[in-house]
Amino acid sequence: MNKASHIQPSPQQGFANKGTLGVLGVIAAIVVGYGALIPSTSAADAPRAASAKLPPINDGLPLPGFSVEPGSTAIVITDPQNDFLSPEGVTWAVVGKSVEANGTVQNLKSLFEVADDTGMPVFVSPHYYFQHDHNWKIEGALEVLMHKIKMFDRKGQLDTEGFQDSGADWLELYKPHINNGKTVVTSPHKVYGPETNDLVLQLRKAGISKVILAGMSANLCTESHMRELGEQGFEVMVVSDATAGAITEHYDGYQAALTNFRFIASAVDNTENTVAAIKKAYR
C-alpha cells in the first residue's frame, strides 16, 4: 500500500523554467532576425486557470498540492440532497445548468463508489430546516429565499413524516452509499458552514486531518465548509466538477466559487484525477 498519492504536484511546476526560456527566446530572436520570441512554455504547460474539468497550470499562484493518505484522509460531501440535485428540486431552475454542465450528479456518485471500494471514510454534512428555523429574525438574502421556497424543510428534528423522497432527502442514487452503515452523517448545518454542526468533531474523533471536499452548492455550503475546515487546521482540496452553483441573470455562483477554491484550497482538481489518486493510495 502506498503511503500517499499526490493529486497535484507540490512545486510550482514550470515557474523556474519561464525565466530561462524567456532569455533563450530573446537570444533566438536576435540571432535569427525574426521579430518574434520563442514561446516561454510548451503547449502542455501553457498557463491555464482552474476550471470544472481541468486543474490549473502556471496560473501565477502556488500549487501546494494534496496527497491522499489512507487513515488520515476523508471525503466530505455537502448537501447531496434532492432540492439541489434533482430536476424536481426547488432550486433546479437556477442550479440545473451548472449541475448538468459539470456532471455533478455522476461525479459525486463516483466519489461515493471509490470510497466504498477502498474503505475511505465519508462524511456527509446535510442541510435541514425545521419549523422553528422559520422564525429567524436575522437573515441574509439567500436565507430569506430558502425559507420562502421551503428548501430542505423537515417537520421536526424527531419527526421524519414526509421526509422520504422530499427535497431534504438524499438523491436516490446516493442512498445505498450513504445508508450503508459506514458513512457518517453529521448534524445539519444551518446557514452554510459547519460551524453550527458537529462535522469538525466527527472528523477529529476519526483521526482525519485531510479532506477531499465536494457537494452542493459551490459558492455557499461547499465554499463555507472549505473556509472553516481550513481555519480549523485541516488540509483541504476541492473536487471542481463534483460541485455546482446557481446561475441567475446577473450572477454565476459556480464561477465565484471556483476563484476562491483556487485561492484558498491546497488543490483543485477534477473527479477523474481524484478517483485515480485515491485508488493508487489504497493499492
Protein backbone atom coordinates (compact mmCIF):
# COMPACT_ATOMS: atom_id res chain seq x y z
CA MET A 1 0.00 0.00 0.00
CA ASN A 2 1.36 3.40 -0.93
CA LYS A 3 1.53 5.87 1.91
CA ALA A 4 0.28 8.69 -0.24
CA SER A 5 -0.88 9.52 -3.74
CA HIS A 6 -0.50 13.08 -4.97
CA ILE A 7 -3.34 14.80 -6.76
CA GLN A 8 -1.33 17.83 -7.81
CA PRO A 9 2.42 18.45 -7.73
CA SER A 10 3.51 20.49 -4.76
CA PRO A 11 6.27 22.51 -6.52
CA GLN A 12 5.26 25.42 -8.69
CA GLN A 13 5.68 23.45 -11.87
CA GLY A 14 7.08 25.45 -14.77
CA PHE A 15 7.75 28.64 -12.79
CA ALA A 16 11.51 28.14 -12.75
CA ASN A 17 11.63 27.42 -16.45
CA LYS A 18 9.95 30.60 -17.60
CA GLY A 19 12.88 32.92 -16.99
CA THR A 20 15.35 30.67 -18.82
CA LEU A 21 13.05 30.11 -21.75
CA GLY A 22 12.36 33.84 -21.97
CA VAL A 23 16.09 34.62 -22.22
CA LEU A 24 16.59 31.93 -24.83
CA GLY A 25 13.69 33.39 -26.76
CA VAL A 26 15.27 36.83 -26.85
CA ILE A 27 18.62 35.39 -27.99
CA ALA A 28 16.98 33.32 -30.70
CA ALA A 29 15.04 36.29 -31.98
CA ILE A 30 18.18 38.40 -32.21
CA VAL A 31 20.26 35.70 -33.88
CA VAL A 32 17.67 34.64 -36.41
CA GLY A 33 16.43 38.13 -37.05
CA TYR A 34 12.75 37.33 -36.64
CA GLY A 35 10.63 39.79 -34.76
CA ALA A 36 9.00 37.17 -32.51
CA LEU A 37 10.22 35.50 -29.35
CA ILE A 38 10.28 31.77 -28.77
CA PRO A 39 7.23 30.84 -26.65
CA SER A 40 8.09 30.66 -22.96
CA THR A 41 6.18 27.40 -22.38
CA SER A 42 5.16 24.36 -24.35
CA ALA A 43 1.52 23.85 -25.26
CA ALA A 44 1.23 21.27 -22.48
CA ASP A 45 2.45 23.79 -19.89
CA ALA A 46 0.61 26.84 -21.21
CA PRO A 47 -0.92 28.87 -18.38
CA ARG A 48 -4.43 27.75 -17.51
CA ALA A 49 -6.82 28.74 -14.76
CA ALA A 50 -8.67 26.11 -12.78
CA SER A 51 -11.95 25.05 -14.37
CA ALA A 52 -14.62 22.50 -13.65
CA LYS A 53 -12.87 19.86 -15.74
CA LEU A 54 -9.18 20.80 -15.58
CA PRO A 55 -6.74 21.69 -12.80
CA PRO A 56 -4.71 24.90 -13.05
CA ILE A 57 -1.31 25.13 -14.71
CA ASN A 58 1.17 28.02 -14.36
CA ASP A 59 -1.62 30.41 -13.38
CA GLY A 60 0.59 32.65 -11.27
CA LEU A 61 -0.37 31.09 -7.94
CA PRO A 62 1.49 28.49 -5.83
CA LEU A 63 0.47 24.84 -6.10
CA PRO A 64 0.70 23.47 -2.55
CA GLY A 65 -0.56 20.07 -3.73
CA PHE A 66 -2.54 17.44 -1.87
CA SER A 67 -1.66 13.81 -1.15
CA VAL A 68 -4.17 11.11 -0.30
CA GLU A 69 -3.03 9.37 2.86
CA PRO A 70 -5.08 6.35 3.96
CA GLY A 71 -6.09 6.69 7.58
CA SER A 72 -5.94 10.47 7.72
CA THR A 73 -7.85 11.46 4.55
CA ALA A 74 -11.63 11.52 4.18
CA ILE A 75 -14.23 12.63 1.67
CA VAL A 76 -16.66 15.30 2.89
CA ILE A 77 -19.81 15.88 0.84
CA THR A 78 -22.16 18.79 1.49
CA ASP A 79 -25.89 18.70 0.74
CA PRO A 80 -26.25 15.70 -1.62
CA GLN A 81 -29.99 16.31 -1.47
CA ASN A 82 -32.92 16.43 -3.88
CA ASP A 83 -33.55 20.15 -3.62
CA PHE A 84 -30.14 20.75 -5.22
CA LEU A 85 -29.53 17.73 -7.42
CA SER A 86 -32.92 16.51 -8.65
CA PRO A 87 -34.81 18.13 -11.54
CA GLU A 88 -37.76 18.13 -9.14
CA GLY A 89 -35.80 20.08 -6.54
CA VAL A 90 -36.87 23.63 -5.67
CA THR A 91 -33.56 25.14 -6.88
CA TRP A 92 -33.21 23.23 -10.14
CA ALA A 93 -34.23 26.23 -12.25
CA VAL A 94 -31.07 28.06 -11.17
CA VAL A 95 -28.61 25.24 -10.41
CA GLY A 96 -29.59 22.72 -13.07
CA LYS A 97 -27.49 24.23 -15.84
CA SER A 98 -24.33 24.13 -13.72
CA VAL A 99 -25.08 20.66 -12.34
CA GLU A 100 -25.50 19.24 -15.83
CA ALA A 101 -22.51 21.07 -17.32
CA ASN A 102 -20.20 19.78 -14.59
CA GLY A 103 -21.67 16.27 -14.47
CA THR A 104 -22.05 16.82 -10.73
CA VAL A 105 -24.55 14.05 -10.03
CA GLN A 106 -22.45 11.30 -11.58
CA ASN A 107 -19.18 12.72 -10.25
CA LEU A 108 -20.48 12.65 -6.69
CA LYS A 109 -21.55 9.06 -7.27
CA SER A 110 -18.02 8.26 -8.44
CA LEU A 111 -16.63 9.61 -5.18
CA PHE A 112 -19.10 7.55 -3.15
CA GLU A 113 -18.20 4.46 -5.19
CA VAL A 114 -14.44 4.81 -4.80
CA ALA A 115 -14.92 5.28 -1.07
CA ASP A 116 -16.95 2.07 -0.90
CA ASP A 117 -14.34 0.23 -2.96
CA THR A 118 -11.33 1.39 -0.93
CA GLY A 119 -12.78 1.89 2.53
CA MET A 120 -12.01 5.63 2.58
CA PRO A 121 -14.17 7.36 5.21
CA VAL A 122 -17.04 9.53 4.00
CA PHE A 123 -18.73 12.30 5.97
CA VAL A 124 -21.95 13.92 4.78
CA SER A 125 -22.88 17.37 6.07
CA PRO A 126 -26.60 17.88 5.33
CA HIS A 127 -28.79 20.96 5.35
CA TYR A 128 -32.16 20.76 7.12
CA TYR A 129 -34.64 23.42 8.18
CA PHE A 130 -37.12 22.62 10.93
CA GLN A 131 -40.25 24.59 11.74
CA HIS A 132 -38.55 26.70 14.40
CA ASP A 133 -35.93 27.82 11.88
CA HIS A 134 -38.61 29.75 10.04
CA ASN A 135 -38.87 32.14 12.98
CA TRP A 136 -35.40 33.61 12.48
CA LYS A 137 -35.31 37.42 12.79
CA ILE A 138 -31.94 37.95 11.11
CA GLU A 139 -31.39 36.52 7.64
CA GLY A 140 -29.22 37.08 4.58
CA ALA A 141 -30.61 37.26 1.06
CA LEU A 142 -30.48 33.55 0.28
CA GLU A 143 -31.63 32.54 3.74
CA VAL A 144 -34.80 34.52 3.06
CA LEU A 145 -35.16 32.77 -0.30
CA MET A 146 -34.52 29.28 1.08
CA HIS A 147 -37.15 29.70 3.77
CA LYS A 148 -39.60 31.17 1.28
CA ILE A 149 -39.34 28.22 -1.11
CA LYS A 150 -39.29 25.72 1.80
CA MET A 151 -35.90 24.37 0.80
CA PHE A 152 -34.67 21.38 2.85
CA ASP A 153 -37.79 21.55 5.02
CA ARG A 154 -38.49 18.87 7.61
CA LYS A 155 -41.35 18.74 10.11
CA GLY A 156 -39.03 18.48 13.08
CA GLN A 157 -35.79 17.12 14.48
CA LEU A 158 -37.52 14.00 15.82
CA ASP A 159 -40.15 13.70 13.10
CA THR A 160 -39.43 12.05 9.75
CA GLU A 161 -43.01 12.23 8.48
CA GLY A 162 -42.92 13.33 4.85
CA PHE A 163 -39.14 13.17 4.73
CA GLN A 164 -38.84 10.19 2.37
CA ASP A 165 -38.17 11.42 -1.18
CA SER A 166 -38.71 15.04 -0.13
CA GLY A 167 -36.41 17.88 -1.13
CA ALA A 168 -34.44 17.32 2.08
CA ASP A 169 -33.89 13.63 1.37
CA TRP A 170 -30.80 12.19 -0.34
CA LEU A 171 -30.79 11.82 -4.07
CA GLU A 172 -31.98 8.25 -4.64
CA LEU A 173 -28.76 7.43 -6.49
CA TYR A 174 -26.73 8.03 -3.33
CA LYS A 175 -28.86 6.23 -0.76
CA PRO A 176 -27.01 2.87 -0.99
CA HIS A 177 -23.74 4.69 -0.30
CA ILE A 178 -24.97 6.96 2.49
CA ASN A 179 -27.21 4.42 4.21
CA ASN A 180 -24.52 1.74 4.28
CA GLY A 181 -23.83 1.82 8.00
CA LYS A 182 -20.37 3.31 7.49
CA THR A 183 -20.92 6.82 6.17
CA VAL A 184 -21.02 9.44 8.92
CA VAL A 185 -23.98 11.81 8.59
CA THR A 186 -23.42 14.84 10.78
CA SER A 187 -25.99 17.04 12.42
CA PRO A 188 -27.31 19.66 9.98
CA HIS A 189 -25.52 22.88 9.25
CA LYS A 190 -27.92 25.79 9.41
CA VAL A 191 -26.66 28.57 7.17
CA TYR A 192 -23.69 27.50 5.02
CA GLY A 193 -20.69 26.43 7.06
CA PRO A 194 -20.00 23.60 9.54
CA GLU A 195 -19.65 26.00 12.48
CA THR A 196 -23.19 25.05 13.53
CA ASN A 197 -22.88 21.26 13.25
CA ASP A 198 -20.59 18.50 14.53
CA LEU A 199 -18.56 17.86 11.36
CA VAL A 200 -15.26 19.08 12.82
CA LEU A 201 -15.80 16.99 15.96
CA GLN A 202 -16.58 13.88 13.90
CA LEU A 203 -13.50 14.38 11.72
CA ARG A 204 -11.23 14.92 14.72
CA LYS A 205 -12.62 11.87 16.52
CA ALA A 206 -11.93 9.77 13.41
CA GLY A 207 -8.32 10.96 13.19
CA ILE A 208 -8.88 12.87 9.96
CA SER A 209 -6.60 15.77 9.07
CA LYS A 210 -7.04 15.91 5.28
CA VAL A 211 -10.33 16.48 3.47
CA ILE A 212 -11.42 15.91 -0.13
CA LEU A 213 -14.40 18.26 -0.43
CA ALA A 214 -17.34 18.07 -2.83
CA GLY A 215 -21.09 18.62 -2.88
CA MET A 216 -23.54 21.48 -3.16
CA SER A 217 -23.60 24.27 -3.65
CA ALA A 218 -20.30 25.67 -4.79
CA ASN A 219 -20.24 29.27 -3.54
CA LEU A 220 -22.40 28.64 -0.48
CA CYS A 221 -22.13 25.49 1.65
CA THR A 222 -19.17 23.95 -0.19
CA GLU A 223 -17.07 27.09 -0.10
CA SER A 224 -18.07 27.81 3.51
CA HIS A 225 -17.04 24.30 4.53
CA MET A 226 -13.70 24.77 2.76
CA ARG A 227 -13.06 28.01 4.62
CA GLU A 228 -13.99 26.74 8.07
CA LEU A 229 -12.13 23.45 7.70
CA GLY A 230 -9.07 25.40 6.63
CA GLU A 231 -9.44 27.68 9.66
CA GLN A 232 -9.69 24.57 11.84
CA GLY A 233 -6.35 23.29 10.58
CA PHE A 234 -7.48 20.70 8.05
CA GLU A 235 -5.76 20.35 4.69
CA VAL A 236 -8.48 20.70 2.06
CA MET A 237 -8.73 20.03 -1.64
CA VAL A 238 -11.87 20.64 -3.72
CA VAL A 239 -13.19 18.38 -6.47
CA SER A 240 -14.11 21.00 -9.02
CA ASP A 241 -16.64 19.07 -11.12
CA ALA A 242 -18.31 17.37 -8.14
CA THR A 243 -19.98 20.64 -7.20
CA ALA A 244 -22.06 23.27 -9.00
CA GLY A 245 -23.67 26.63 -8.32
CA ALA A 246 -26.67 28.78 -9.04
CA ILE A 247 -26.64 30.85 -12.23
CA THR A 248 -29.03 33.80 -12.39
CA GLU A 249 -29.46 36.70 -14.77
CA HIS A 250 -26.76 38.74 -13.04
CA TYR A 251 -24.66 36.23 -11.09
CA ASP A 252 -22.76 32.98 -11.58
CA GLY A 253 -22.27 31.24 -8.24
CA TYR A 254 -20.06 28.50 -9.64
CA GLN A 255 -17.50 30.85 -11.18
CA ALA A 256 -17.43 32.90 -7.99
CA ALA A 257 -16.63 29.76 -6.00
CA LEU A 258 -14.01 28.49 -8.43
CA THR A 259 -11.88 31.57 -7.86
CA ASN A 260 -11.98 31.13 -4.10
CA PHE A 261 -11.38 27.38 -4.34
CA ARG A 262 -8.16 28.17 -6.18
CA PHE A 263 -7.15 30.96 -3.81
CA ILE A 264 -7.78 29.03 -0.59
CA ALA A 265 -7.64 25.23 -1.04
CA SER A 266 -4.42 23.21 -1.22
CA ALA A 267 -5.53 21.77 -4.55
CA VAL A 268 -8.37 21.97 -7.05
CA ASP A 269 -8.81 19.01 -9.36
CA ASN A 270 -11.45 17.02 -11.20
CA THR A 271 -13.20 13.80 -10.23
CA GLU A 272 -11.28 11.58 -12.63
CA ASN A 273 -7.90 12.56 -11.23
CA THR A 274 -9.14 12.45 -7.64
CA VAL A 275 -10.58 8.95 -8.00
CA ALA A 276 -7.34 7.76 -9.64
CA ALA A 277 -5.28 9.20 -6.79
CA ILE A 278 -7.48 7.52 -4.17
CA LYS A 279 -7.23 4.13 -5.89
CA LYS A 280 -3.47 4.47 -6.18
CA ALA A 281 -3.12 5.36 -2.49
CA TYR A 282 -5.08 2.28 -1.42
CA ARG A 283 -3.23 -0.28 -3.56
